[in-house]
Every structure is written in C-alpha cells, then in structure tokens.
Amino acid sequence: MSKKVFIWSLILLYLGLPFNHPAQVVRSKDEAIRSIRDNFISRNSEFEIFVDRGSLMQLLEGIENIDFLDAATAIDDKDTSADADYLKASVISWTAAWSILDDNTAKLNFAADYRTTKEQEEELEREIEAALASLDIGNATDYEKIKLIHDYIVELAVYDQSLTRYSAYNVFVDKSAVCSRCLQDVYRCRN
C-alpha cells in the first residue's frame, strides 16, 4: 500500500510542477532573426525566442550593440509588403534581454511597441485591396500604376497638421498623416 501512495505522490508532484520546456528552439542566427521578424510582423508586444546556446553565441558574436530590428527588417520577402522598410517604420520601440536556461538553451525576451495593432493592419490590408480594385491597374505600365496610386493617395488624405498620425493605416483609415520625411524630423526633435 505504501508503494502505491509513494508512486501516486510522485505523479501528483510531477503534475504539479511547472514544465517550462521551450516549444521550439531555433538553431541558427538566420532562424532567430526570422522568428524575431515574424513576431514583429504579427505585432506581438511581448515574445520569447528560445535559442540553442551555440547559436546565441553566433548571434551575438562580434556585435556590441546588435540591432535586432535592423536585422529583422533586412529580410525583404517579395510576397508581402508587411516587412522590410514598412516593418521598420511600424515599430516604435523594442527591447531585448537574454538569459541562460540550461547548458543547451538560452532565452531572448522581447517587448515591442507598434504604430498599429494586428487588427489595424488587417483593416489596412482590406482598405488597400479595395483601393487597388477601384483603380483597375492590371494592364497599366509601371509608371501608370505609380501615378494612379500617387494620385489616389493625394486625393484620399490630407496632411496631418497635428503631427500625430504617422502610419499607412492613418492614411487609408483616418485619411490624414504626415510624410516619412516629417516623421524623421520628429524623431530628431524628440531625441
């Protein structure tokens, strides 16, 4: 009888302990950067990346102040417009800290703030699709496409005199925003 009680006690103890084994451990610098990029695109405000410790050393090797945002936005997937320069302009701020979990695994903890939410990005995509459908640019030359899109945006939005709207979402949904040059000037003024 005491053997059964002991076994059940061990089972209950085991079930009661938190099990924090990472779901996926990235094993290369490229995988880590792509995972960071995907989390930024998904507008995750907090996320963790579990990294093989050897890969972490490769990721941090020779870099005093690694800019994960620069590395993540250097990936320019031709199948999406949500990455690269657009993503870089969409991230307001981010922080990262790392910790060693065990002999094989390290954890990178990220926190990020964005100009738009995932839901706003989805709404923006619908607005852009509708705008492109209304322009009927399928057979237009590249120049004609650029001109039609330019003229559409000029007619759609007004310049934001309050200097508080900076995103494509603001252009298409709020119908008001500042240009990217002004955005750069605002950064200089605030820093």
N, C-alpha and C. Protein backbone atom coordinates (compact mmCIF):
# COMPACT_ATOMS: atom_id res chain seq x y z
N MET A 1 0.81 -1.19 0.00
CA MET A 1 0.00 0.00 0.00
C MET A 1 0.86 1.26 0.00
N SER A 2 1.90 1.30 0.80
CA SER A 2 2.75 2.48 0.86
C SER A 2 3.50 2.69 -0.46
N LYS A 3 3.74 1.63 -1.22
CA LYS A 3 4.38 1.76 -2.52
C LYS A 3 3.46 2.51 -3.48
N LYS A 4 2.15 2.20 -3.46
CA LYS A 4 1.18 2.88 -4.32
C LYS A 4 1.07 4.36 -3.92
N VAL A 5 1.04 4.63 -2.65
CA VAL A 5 0.95 6.01 -2.17
C VAL A 5 2.19 6.79 -2.61
N PHE A 6 3.33 6.18 -2.50
CA PHE A 6 4.57 6.83 -2.92
C PHE A 6 4.54 7.14 -4.42
N ILE A 7 4.13 6.18 -5.24
CA ILE A 7 4.07 6.38 -6.70
C ILE A 7 3.06 7.48 -7.04
N TRP A 8 1.88 7.43 -6.42
CA TRP A 8 0.88 8.47 -6.68
C TRP A 8 1.37 9.84 -6.20
N SER A 9 2.09 9.86 -5.14
CA SER A 9 2.65 11.13 -4.65
C SER A 9 3.64 11.70 -5.65
N LEU A 10 4.48 10.84 -6.20
CA LEU A 10 5.43 11.29 -7.23
C LEU A 10 4.72 11.80 -8.47
N ILE A 11 3.67 11.07 -8.88
CA ILE A 11 2.91 11.50 -10.06
C ILE A 11 2.26 12.86 -9.81
N LEU A 12 1.62 13.02 -8.66
CA LEU A 12 0.98 14.30 -8.34
C LEU A 12 2.00 15.43 -8.22
N LEU A 13 3.15 15.12 -7.63
CA LEU A 13 4.21 16.12 -7.52
C LEU A 13 4.68 16.53 -8.90
N TYR A 14 4.88 15.56 -9.77
CA TYR A 14 5.33 15.83 -11.13
C TYR A 14 4.31 16.67 -11.89
N LEU A 15 3.04 16.31 -11.76
CA LEU A 15 1.98 17.05 -12.44
C LEU A 15 1.83 18.47 -11.89
N GLY A 16 2.15 18.68 -10.66
CA GLY A 16 2.02 19.99 -10.05
C GLY A 16 3.16 20.93 -10.35
N LEU A 17 4.28 20.40 -10.83
CA LEU A 17 5.43 21.26 -11.13
C LEU A 17 5.28 21.89 -12.50
N PRO A 18 5.67 23.14 -12.64
CA PRO A 18 5.60 23.76 -13.96
C PRO A 18 6.61 23.10 -14.89
N PHE A 19 6.20 22.93 -16.11
CA PHE A 19 7.06 22.32 -17.13
C PHE A 19 7.35 23.39 -18.15
N ASN A 20 8.53 23.95 -18.12
CA ASN A 20 8.87 25.11 -18.95
C ASN A 20 9.79 24.77 -20.10
N HIS A 21 9.65 23.64 -20.68
CA HIS A 21 10.50 23.30 -21.81
C HIS A 21 10.03 24.10 -23.02
N PRO A 22 10.92 24.79 -23.71
CA PRO A 22 10.52 25.59 -24.86
C PRO A 22 9.90 24.74 -25.97
N ALA A 23 8.87 25.29 -26.59
CA ALA A 23 8.19 24.57 -27.66
C ALA A 23 9.10 24.41 -28.88
N GLN A 24 9.82 25.45 -29.22
CA GLN A 24 10.71 25.38 -30.37
C GLN A 24 11.99 26.13 -30.05
N VAL A 25 13.10 25.51 -30.33
CA VAL A 25 14.40 26.12 -30.12
C VAL A 25 15.01 26.39 -31.49
N VAL A 26 15.32 27.66 -31.77
CA VAL A 26 15.96 27.97 -33.04
C VAL A 26 17.43 27.59 -32.96
N ARG A 27 17.98 27.13 -34.06
CA ARG A 27 19.32 26.57 -34.05
C ARG A 27 20.31 27.33 -34.92
N SER A 28 19.89 28.49 -35.45
CA SER A 28 20.83 29.28 -36.25
C SER A 28 20.48 30.76 -36.12
N LYS A 29 21.43 31.58 -36.49
CA LYS A 29 21.23 33.02 -36.46
C LYS A 29 20.09 33.41 -37.40
N ASP A 30 20.06 32.81 -38.59
CA ASP A 30 19.00 33.12 -39.56
C ASP A 30 17.61 32.76 -39.03
N GLU A 31 17.49 31.59 -38.38
CA GLU A 31 16.21 31.19 -37.79
C GLU A 31 15.79 32.18 -36.70
N ALA A 32 16.73 32.60 -35.88
CA ALA A 32 16.42 33.54 -34.80
C ALA A 32 15.93 34.87 -35.36
N ILE A 33 16.63 35.40 -36.34
CA ILE A 33 16.25 36.69 -36.93
C ILE A 33 14.89 36.57 -37.62
N ARG A 34 14.65 35.48 -38.32
CA ARG A 34 13.35 35.28 -38.99
C ARG A 34 12.22 35.17 -37.95
N SER A 35 12.48 34.51 -36.84
CA SER A 35 11.48 34.40 -35.79
C SER A 35 11.17 35.76 -35.18
N ILE A 36 12.20 36.57 -34.97
CA ILE A 36 12.01 37.93 -34.45
C ILE A 36 11.17 38.73 -35.45
N ARG A 37 11.53 38.65 -36.74
CA ARG A 37 10.79 39.34 -37.80
C ARG A 37 9.32 38.93 -37.79
N ASP A 38 9.05 37.63 -37.73
CA ASP A 38 7.67 37.14 -37.75
C ASP A 38 6.88 37.64 -36.56
N ASN A 39 7.52 37.72 -35.39
CA ASN A 39 6.84 38.26 -34.21
C ASN A 39 6.56 39.75 -34.35
N PHE A 40 7.50 40.50 -34.93
CA PHE A 40 7.26 41.92 -35.19
C PHE A 40 6.10 42.09 -36.17
N ILE A 41 6.09 41.31 -37.25
CA ILE A 41 5.01 41.41 -38.24
C ILE A 41 3.67 41.08 -37.60
N SER A 42 3.65 40.11 -36.69
CA SER A 42 2.40 39.73 -36.00
C SER A 42 2.00 40.72 -34.92
N ARG A 43 2.83 41.74 -34.71
CA ARG A 43 2.58 42.79 -33.73
C ARG A 43 2.48 42.23 -32.31
N ASN A 44 3.31 41.24 -32.00
CA ASN A 44 3.36 40.69 -30.64
C ASN A 44 4.10 41.68 -29.75
N SER A 45 3.43 42.13 -28.69
CA SER A 45 4.05 43.13 -27.82
C SER A 45 5.08 42.51 -26.89
N GLU A 46 4.92 41.24 -26.58
CA GLU A 46 5.92 40.51 -25.79
C GLU A 46 6.07 39.13 -26.40
N PHE A 47 7.30 38.68 -26.57
CA PHE A 47 7.52 37.34 -27.08
C PHE A 47 8.89 36.84 -26.65
N GLU A 48 9.02 35.52 -26.69
CA GLU A 48 10.26 34.86 -26.31
C GLU A 48 10.78 34.04 -27.48
N ILE A 49 12.09 34.03 -27.63
CA ILE A 49 12.74 33.18 -28.62
C ILE A 49 13.71 32.29 -27.85
N PHE A 50 13.54 31.01 -27.98
CA PHE A 50 14.45 30.06 -27.35
C PHE A 50 15.53 29.70 -28.36
N VAL A 51 16.77 29.87 -27.95
CA VAL A 51 17.90 29.73 -28.88
C VAL A 51 18.87 28.69 -28.35
N ASP A 52 19.33 27.84 -29.23
CA ASP A 52 20.42 26.93 -28.90
C ASP A 52 21.60 27.81 -28.47
N ARG A 53 22.25 27.49 -27.35
CA ARG A 53 23.30 28.38 -26.81
C ARG A 53 24.42 28.63 -27.80
N GLY A 54 24.77 27.63 -28.59
CA GLY A 54 25.80 27.85 -29.61
C GLY A 54 25.36 28.88 -30.63
N SER A 55 24.08 28.83 -31.00
CA SER A 55 23.53 29.80 -31.95
C SER A 55 23.46 31.19 -31.33
N LEU A 56 23.18 31.26 -30.02
CA LEU A 56 23.15 32.55 -29.35
C LEU A 56 24.52 33.21 -29.43
N MET A 57 25.55 32.43 -29.19
CA MET A 57 26.90 32.99 -29.27
C MET A 57 27.19 33.45 -30.69
N GLN A 58 26.74 32.69 -31.70
CA GLN A 58 26.91 33.11 -33.09
C GLN A 58 26.13 34.40 -33.35
N LEU A 59 24.93 34.49 -32.78
CA LEU A 59 24.08 35.66 -32.97
C LEU A 59 24.71 36.91 -32.37
N LEU A 60 25.34 36.76 -31.22
CA LEU A 60 25.91 37.91 -30.52
C LEU A 60 27.40 38.14 -30.81
N GLU A 61 28.04 37.18 -31.45
CA GLU A 61 29.48 37.22 -31.68
C GLU A 61 29.91 38.47 -32.45
N GLY A 62 30.83 39.20 -31.88
CA GLY A 62 31.42 40.36 -32.55
C GLY A 62 30.51 41.56 -32.66
N ILE A 63 29.37 41.51 -32.02
CA ILE A 63 28.42 42.61 -32.12
C ILE A 63 28.22 43.22 -30.74
N GLU A 64 28.63 44.46 -30.61
CA GLU A 64 28.48 45.11 -29.31
C GLU A 64 27.03 45.50 -29.05
N ASN A 65 26.40 46.13 -30.02
CA ASN A 65 25.02 46.58 -29.88
C ASN A 65 24.21 46.06 -31.05
N ILE A 66 23.80 44.80 -30.99
CA ILE A 66 23.05 44.23 -32.10
C ILE A 66 21.69 44.91 -32.20
N ASP A 67 21.31 45.28 -33.40
CA ASP A 67 20.01 45.86 -33.64
C ASP A 67 19.15 44.79 -34.30
N PHE A 68 18.37 44.09 -33.48
CA PHE A 68 17.53 43.01 -33.99
C PHE A 68 16.51 43.54 -34.99
N LEU A 69 16.02 44.77 -34.80
CA LEU A 69 15.07 45.34 -35.76
C LEU A 69 15.73 45.51 -37.12
N ASP A 70 16.95 46.05 -37.15
CA ASP A 70 17.65 46.19 -38.43
C ASP A 70 17.85 44.83 -39.09
N ALA A 71 18.25 43.85 -38.30
CA ALA A 71 18.46 42.51 -38.86
C ALA A 71 17.15 41.92 -39.37
N ALA A 72 16.07 42.09 -38.61
CA ALA A 72 14.78 41.53 -39.00
C ALA A 72 14.21 42.23 -40.23
N THR A 73 14.42 43.54 -40.33
CA THR A 73 13.86 44.27 -41.47
C THR A 73 14.76 44.20 -42.70
N ALA A 74 15.93 43.62 -42.56
CA ALA A 74 16.78 43.39 -43.74
C ALA A 74 16.20 42.27 -44.60
N ILE A 75 15.32 41.46 -44.02
CA ILE A 75 14.64 40.41 -44.79
C ILE A 75 13.51 41.07 -45.56
N ASP A 76 13.55 40.96 -46.87
CA ASP A 76 12.53 41.57 -47.73
C ASP A 76 11.90 40.47 -48.58
N ASP A 77 10.82 39.91 -48.06
CA ASP A 77 10.10 38.85 -48.76
C ASP A 77 9.23 39.49 -49.84
N LYS A 78 9.43 39.12 -51.07
CA LYS A 78 8.69 39.72 -52.19
C LYS A 78 7.20 39.38 -52.19
N ASP A 79 6.80 38.41 -51.36
CA ASP A 79 5.39 38.02 -51.30
C ASP A 79 4.58 38.82 -50.30
N THR A 80 5.22 39.76 -49.59
CA THR A 80 4.49 40.57 -48.62
C THR A 80 5.04 41.99 -48.61
N SER A 81 4.17 42.91 -48.26
CA SER A 81 4.62 44.30 -48.09
C SER A 81 4.67 44.66 -46.61
N ALA A 82 4.47 43.66 -45.74
CA ALA A 82 4.44 43.90 -44.30
C ALA A 82 5.81 43.92 -43.67
N ASP A 83 6.85 43.64 -44.43
CA ASP A 83 8.19 43.55 -43.85
C ASP A 83 9.09 44.69 -44.34
N ALA A 84 10.37 44.52 -44.20
CA ALA A 84 11.40 45.46 -44.68
C ALA A 84 11.15 46.87 -44.14
N ASP A 85 11.22 47.88 -45.02
CA ASP A 85 11.11 49.27 -44.59
C ASP A 85 9.78 49.56 -43.88
N TYR A 86 8.70 48.96 -44.38
CA TYR A 86 7.40 49.20 -43.76
C TYR A 86 7.40 48.72 -42.31
N LEU A 87 7.96 47.54 -42.09
CA LEU A 87 8.03 47.00 -40.73
C LEU A 87 8.89 47.89 -39.84
N LYS A 88 10.01 48.35 -40.37
CA LYS A 88 10.91 49.20 -39.58
C LYS A 88 10.20 50.48 -39.14
N ALA A 89 9.41 51.07 -40.03
CA ALA A 89 8.68 52.29 -39.69
C ALA A 89 7.51 52.01 -38.75
N SER A 90 7.08 50.76 -38.68
CA SER A 90 5.92 50.40 -37.85
C SER A 90 6.27 50.12 -36.40
N VAL A 91 7.54 49.80 -36.13
CA VAL A 91 7.97 49.52 -34.76
C VAL A 91 8.42 50.83 -34.12
N ILE A 92 7.74 51.23 -33.06
CA ILE A 92 8.10 52.47 -32.37
C ILE A 92 9.34 52.24 -31.50
N SER A 93 9.31 51.16 -30.71
CA SER A 93 10.43 50.86 -29.84
C SER A 93 10.42 49.37 -29.53
N TRP A 94 11.58 48.87 -29.12
CA TRP A 94 11.68 47.47 -28.71
C TRP A 94 12.84 47.32 -27.74
N THR A 95 12.74 46.29 -26.92
CA THR A 95 13.84 45.94 -26.02
C THR A 95 14.03 44.43 -26.07
N ALA A 96 15.22 44.00 -25.74
CA ALA A 96 15.51 42.57 -25.68
C ALA A 96 16.46 42.30 -24.52
N ALA A 97 16.23 41.18 -23.87
CA ALA A 97 17.12 40.73 -22.81
C ALA A 97 17.26 39.22 -22.96
N TRP A 98 18.43 38.71 -22.63
CA TRP A 98 18.61 37.27 -22.75
C TRP A 98 19.02 36.67 -21.43
N SER A 99 18.69 35.40 -21.28
CA SER A 99 19.06 34.66 -20.08
C SER A 99 19.40 33.23 -20.48
N ILE A 100 20.26 32.61 -19.69
CA ILE A 100 20.65 31.22 -19.92
C ILE A 100 19.69 30.33 -19.14
N LEU A 101 19.05 29.39 -19.82
CA LEU A 101 18.11 28.50 -19.16
C LEU A 101 18.79 27.23 -18.64
N ASP A 102 19.65 26.66 -19.46
CA ASP A 102 20.36 25.43 -19.08
C ASP A 102 21.62 25.33 -19.94
N ASP A 103 22.27 24.19 -19.92
CA ASP A 103 23.51 24.02 -20.68
C ASP A 103 23.33 24.17 -22.18
N ASN A 104 22.11 23.97 -22.67
CA ASN A 104 21.88 23.96 -24.11
C ASN A 104 21.04 25.11 -24.65
N THR A 105 20.30 25.79 -23.79
CA THR A 105 19.29 26.73 -24.26
C THR A 105 19.40 28.09 -23.57
N ALA A 106 19.23 29.12 -24.39
CA ALA A 106 19.13 30.49 -23.88
C ALA A 106 17.77 31.04 -24.32
N LYS A 107 17.33 32.07 -23.63
CA LYS A 107 16.03 32.66 -23.96
C LYS A 107 16.22 34.15 -24.20
N LEU A 108 15.68 34.64 -25.30
CA LEU A 108 15.64 36.06 -25.60
C LEU A 108 14.21 36.54 -25.33
N ASN A 109 14.06 37.51 -24.44
CA ASN A 109 12.76 38.11 -24.13
C ASN A 109 12.67 39.45 -24.85
N PHE A 110 11.60 39.64 -25.59
CA PHE A 110 11.39 40.88 -26.33
C PHE A 110 10.14 41.58 -25.85
N ALA A 111 10.18 42.88 -25.91
CA ALA A 111 8.99 43.72 -25.73
C ALA A 111 9.04 44.76 -26.85
N ALA A 112 7.89 45.04 -27.46
CA ALA A 112 7.86 45.98 -28.58
C ALA A 112 6.58 46.79 -28.56
N ASP A 113 6.68 48.02 -29.05
CA ASP A 113 5.53 48.90 -29.25
C ASP A 113 5.45 49.21 -30.73
N TYR A 114 4.22 49.29 -31.24
CA TYR A 114 4.00 49.47 -32.67
C TYR A 114 3.07 50.66 -32.94
N ARG A 115 3.14 51.16 -34.15
CA ARG A 115 2.25 52.24 -34.56
C ARG A 115 0.83 51.72 -34.78
N THR A 116 0.70 50.44 -35.12
CA THR A 116 -0.61 49.85 -35.38
C THR A 116 -0.71 48.48 -34.72
N THR A 117 -1.94 48.05 -34.50
CA THR A 117 -2.19 46.72 -33.98
C THR A 117 -2.33 45.73 -35.14
N LYS A 118 -2.35 44.47 -34.83
CA LYS A 118 -2.57 43.44 -35.85
C LYS A 118 -3.92 43.65 -36.51
N GLU A 119 -4.93 43.99 -35.73
CA GLU A 119 -6.27 44.22 -36.27
C GLU A 119 -6.28 45.43 -37.21
N GLN A 120 -5.56 46.48 -36.84
CA GLN A 120 -5.47 47.65 -37.71
C GLN A 120 -4.74 47.30 -39.01
N GLU A 121 -3.73 46.46 -38.93
CA GLU A 121 -3.02 46.04 -40.13
C GLU A 121 -3.94 45.24 -41.06
N GLU A 122 -4.79 44.40 -40.47
CA GLU A 122 -5.74 43.63 -41.27
C GLU A 122 -6.75 44.56 -41.93
N GLU A 123 -7.23 45.57 -41.19
CA GLU A 123 -8.14 46.56 -41.76
C GLU A 123 -7.45 47.34 -42.88
N LEU A 124 -6.20 47.71 -42.67
CA LEU A 124 -5.42 48.41 -43.69
C LEU A 124 -5.31 47.57 -44.96
N GLU A 125 -5.03 46.28 -44.81
CA GLU A 125 -4.93 45.39 -45.98
C GLU A 125 -6.23 45.39 -46.77
N ARG A 126 -7.38 45.34 -46.08
CA ARG A 126 -8.67 45.37 -46.77
C ARG A 126 -8.87 46.70 -47.50
N GLU A 127 -8.48 47.80 -46.87
CA GLU A 127 -8.60 49.12 -47.49
C GLU A 127 -7.72 49.22 -48.75
N ILE A 128 -6.51 48.70 -48.65
CA ILE A 128 -5.60 48.75 -49.80
C ILE A 128 -6.12 47.88 -50.94
N GLU A 129 -6.61 46.69 -50.62
CA GLU A 129 -7.18 45.81 -51.65
C GLU A 129 -8.35 46.49 -52.35
N ALA A 130 -9.21 47.13 -51.58
CA ALA A 130 -10.35 47.84 -52.17
C ALA A 130 -9.89 49.00 -53.05
N ALA A 131 -8.87 49.73 -52.58
CA ALA A 131 -8.35 50.85 -53.35
C ALA A 131 -7.75 50.36 -54.67
N LEU A 132 -6.95 49.31 -54.60
CA LEU A 132 -6.34 48.78 -55.82
C LEU A 132 -7.39 48.25 -56.79
N ALA A 133 -8.43 47.62 -56.27
CA ALA A 133 -9.51 47.12 -57.13
C ALA A 133 -10.22 48.28 -57.82
N SER A 134 -10.41 49.38 -57.11
CA SER A 134 -11.10 50.53 -57.69
C SER A 134 -10.25 51.23 -58.75
N LEU A 135 -8.94 51.10 -58.65
CA LEU A 135 -8.05 51.75 -59.61
C LEU A 135 -7.90 50.96 -60.91
N ASP A 136 -8.18 49.67 -60.86
CA ASP A 136 -8.09 48.81 -62.04
C ASP A 136 -6.76 49.02 -62.78
N ILE A 137 -5.67 48.67 -62.10
CA ILE A 137 -4.33 48.92 -62.66
C ILE A 137 -3.69 47.69 -63.29
N GLY A 138 -4.48 46.66 -63.52
CA GLY A 138 -3.94 45.39 -64.02
C GLY A 138 -3.12 45.49 -65.30
N ASN A 139 -3.58 46.28 -66.26
CA ASN A 139 -2.88 46.37 -67.56
C ASN A 139 -2.03 47.63 -67.69
N ALA A 140 -1.91 48.39 -66.63
CA ALA A 140 -1.16 49.65 -66.68
C ALA A 140 0.34 49.39 -66.67
N THR A 141 1.10 50.33 -67.21
CA THR A 141 2.56 50.26 -67.14
C THR A 141 2.98 50.57 -65.71
N ASP A 142 4.23 50.31 -65.37
CA ASP A 142 4.71 50.62 -64.02
C ASP A 142 4.53 52.10 -63.71
N TYR A 143 4.86 52.97 -64.67
CA TYR A 143 4.70 54.40 -64.46
C TYR A 143 3.23 54.74 -64.20
N GLU A 144 2.32 54.19 -65.00
CA GLU A 144 0.90 54.47 -64.83
C GLU A 144 0.40 53.97 -63.47
N LYS A 145 0.88 52.81 -63.03
CA LYS A 145 0.49 52.28 -61.72
C LYS A 145 0.92 53.24 -60.61
N ILE A 146 2.18 53.67 -60.67
CA ILE A 146 2.69 54.59 -59.65
C ILE A 146 1.90 55.89 -59.66
N LYS A 147 1.63 56.42 -60.83
CA LYS A 147 0.89 57.68 -60.96
C LYS A 147 -0.54 57.54 -60.43
N LEU A 148 -1.21 56.45 -60.77
CA LEU A 148 -2.58 56.22 -60.30
C LEU A 148 -2.62 56.10 -58.77
N ILE A 149 -1.69 55.34 -58.21
CA ILE A 149 -1.65 55.17 -56.76
C ILE A 149 -1.31 56.49 -56.08
N HIS A 150 -0.33 57.20 -56.62
CA HIS A 150 0.04 58.52 -56.08
C HIS A 150 -1.18 59.45 -56.06
N ASP A 151 -1.85 59.56 -57.19
CA ASP A 151 -2.99 60.47 -57.29
C ASP A 151 -4.12 60.04 -56.34
N TYR A 152 -4.32 58.74 -56.20
CA TYR A 152 -5.34 58.24 -55.29
C TYR A 152 -5.05 58.68 -53.85
N ILE A 153 -3.80 58.52 -53.42
CA ILE A 153 -3.43 58.88 -52.05
C ILE A 153 -3.52 60.39 -51.84
N VAL A 154 -3.11 61.17 -52.83
CA VAL A 154 -3.19 62.63 -52.73
C VAL A 154 -4.64 63.08 -52.56
N GLU A 155 -5.54 62.45 -53.29
CA GLU A 155 -6.96 62.79 -53.19
C GLU A 155 -7.60 62.25 -51.90
N LEU A 156 -7.08 61.14 -51.40
CA LEU A 156 -7.66 60.47 -50.24
C LEU A 156 -7.36 61.17 -48.93
N ALA A 157 -6.12 61.56 -48.74
CA ALA A 157 -5.66 62.01 -47.41
C ALA A 157 -5.22 63.46 -47.43
N VAL A 158 -5.29 64.06 -46.24
CA VAL A 158 -4.78 65.42 -46.04
C VAL A 158 -3.59 65.34 -45.10
N TYR A 159 -2.76 66.37 -45.17
CA TYR A 159 -1.58 66.42 -44.31
C TYR A 159 -2.02 66.63 -42.86
N ASP A 160 -1.46 65.83 -41.95
CA ASP A 160 -1.82 65.89 -40.54
C ASP A 160 -1.07 67.05 -39.86
N GLN A 161 -1.76 68.14 -39.66
CA GLN A 161 -1.16 69.32 -39.04
C GLN A 161 -0.82 69.10 -37.57
N SER A 162 -1.45 68.10 -36.93
CA SER A 162 -1.16 67.84 -35.52
C SER A 162 0.13 67.04 -35.34
N LEU A 163 0.66 66.50 -36.42
CA LEU A 163 1.89 65.70 -36.41
C LEU A 163 1.78 64.50 -35.47
N THR A 164 0.59 63.88 -35.44
CA THR A 164 0.39 62.73 -34.56
C THR A 164 0.03 61.45 -35.32
N ARG A 165 -0.15 61.54 -36.61
CA ARG A 165 -0.51 60.37 -37.41
C ARG A 165 0.64 60.08 -38.37
N TYR A 166 1.19 58.86 -38.25
CA TYR A 166 2.40 58.54 -38.99
C TYR A 166 2.31 57.31 -39.89
N SER A 167 1.23 56.58 -39.84
CA SER A 167 1.23 55.26 -40.48
C SER A 167 0.38 55.21 -41.74
N ALA A 168 0.59 54.15 -42.51
CA ALA A 168 -0.25 53.90 -43.68
C ALA A 168 -1.71 53.70 -43.24
N TYR A 169 -1.89 53.11 -42.07
CA TYR A 169 -3.23 52.96 -41.52
C TYR A 169 -3.90 54.33 -41.39
N ASN A 170 -3.16 55.30 -40.87
CA ASN A 170 -3.71 56.65 -40.73
C ASN A 170 -4.10 57.23 -42.09
N VAL A 171 -3.30 56.96 -43.11
CA VAL A 171 -3.62 57.47 -44.45
C VAL A 171 -4.93 56.88 -44.95
N PHE A 172 -5.05 55.56 -44.91
CA PHE A 172 -6.19 54.89 -45.52
C PHE A 172 -7.45 54.86 -44.66
N VAL A 173 -7.31 54.88 -43.35
CA VAL A 173 -8.48 54.80 -42.49
C VAL A 173 -8.85 56.17 -41.93
N ASP A 174 -7.87 56.89 -41.39
CA ASP A 174 -8.13 58.22 -40.83
C ASP A 174 -8.10 59.31 -41.88
N LYS A 175 -7.56 58.99 -43.05
CA LYS A 175 -7.46 59.92 -44.19
C LYS A 175 -6.58 61.13 -43.88
N SER A 176 -5.58 60.92 -42.99
CA SER A 176 -4.68 62.00 -42.62
C SER A 176 -3.40 61.42 -42.03
N ALA A 177 -2.24 61.96 -42.45
CA ALA A 177 -0.95 61.52 -41.90
C ALA A 177 0.13 62.49 -42.34
N VAL A 178 1.31 62.34 -41.75
CA VAL A 178 2.47 63.12 -42.16
C VAL A 178 3.32 62.27 -43.11
N CYS A 179 4.21 62.92 -43.83
CA CYS A 179 5.09 62.19 -44.74
C CYS A 179 6.25 61.57 -43.96
N SER A 180 6.96 60.66 -44.59
CA SER A 180 8.06 59.98 -43.88
C SER A 180 9.19 60.95 -43.54
N ARG A 181 9.39 61.98 -44.35
CA ARG A 181 10.43 62.97 -44.06
C ARG A 181 10.11 63.71 -42.75
N CYS A 182 8.85 64.07 -42.59
CA CYS A 182 8.43 64.75 -41.36
C CYS A 182 8.59 63.80 -40.17
N LEU A 183 8.29 62.54 -40.39
CA LEU A 183 8.45 61.55 -39.33
C LEU A 183 9.90 61.50 -38.88
N GLN A 184 10.83 61.53 -39.82
CA GLN A 184 12.26 61.53 -39.47
C GLN A 184 12.61 62.79 -38.69
N ASP A 185 12.08 63.91 -39.08
CA ASP A 185 12.33 65.17 -38.38
C ASP A 185 11.78 65.12 -36.95
N VAL A 186 10.61 64.51 -36.77
CA VAL A 186 10.02 64.39 -35.43
C VAL A 186 10.94 63.55 -34.56
N TYR A 187 11.50 62.46 -35.11
CA TYR A 187 12.45 61.65 -34.35
C TYR A 187 13.64 62.47 -33.89
N ARG A 188 14.19 63.28 -34.79
CA ARG A 188 15.35 64.10 -34.44
C ARG A 188 14.99 65.10 -33.35
N CYS A 189 13.81 65.69 -33.45
CA CYS A 189 13.39 66.69 -32.47
C CYS A 189 13.17 66.08 -31.08
N ARG A 190 12.69 64.83 -31.06
CA ARG A 190 12.39 64.21 -29.76
C ARG A 190 13.62 63.62 -29.11
N ASN A 191 14.66 63.33 -29.87
CA ASN A 191 15.85 62.69 -29.29
C ASN A 191 16.92 63.67 -28.92
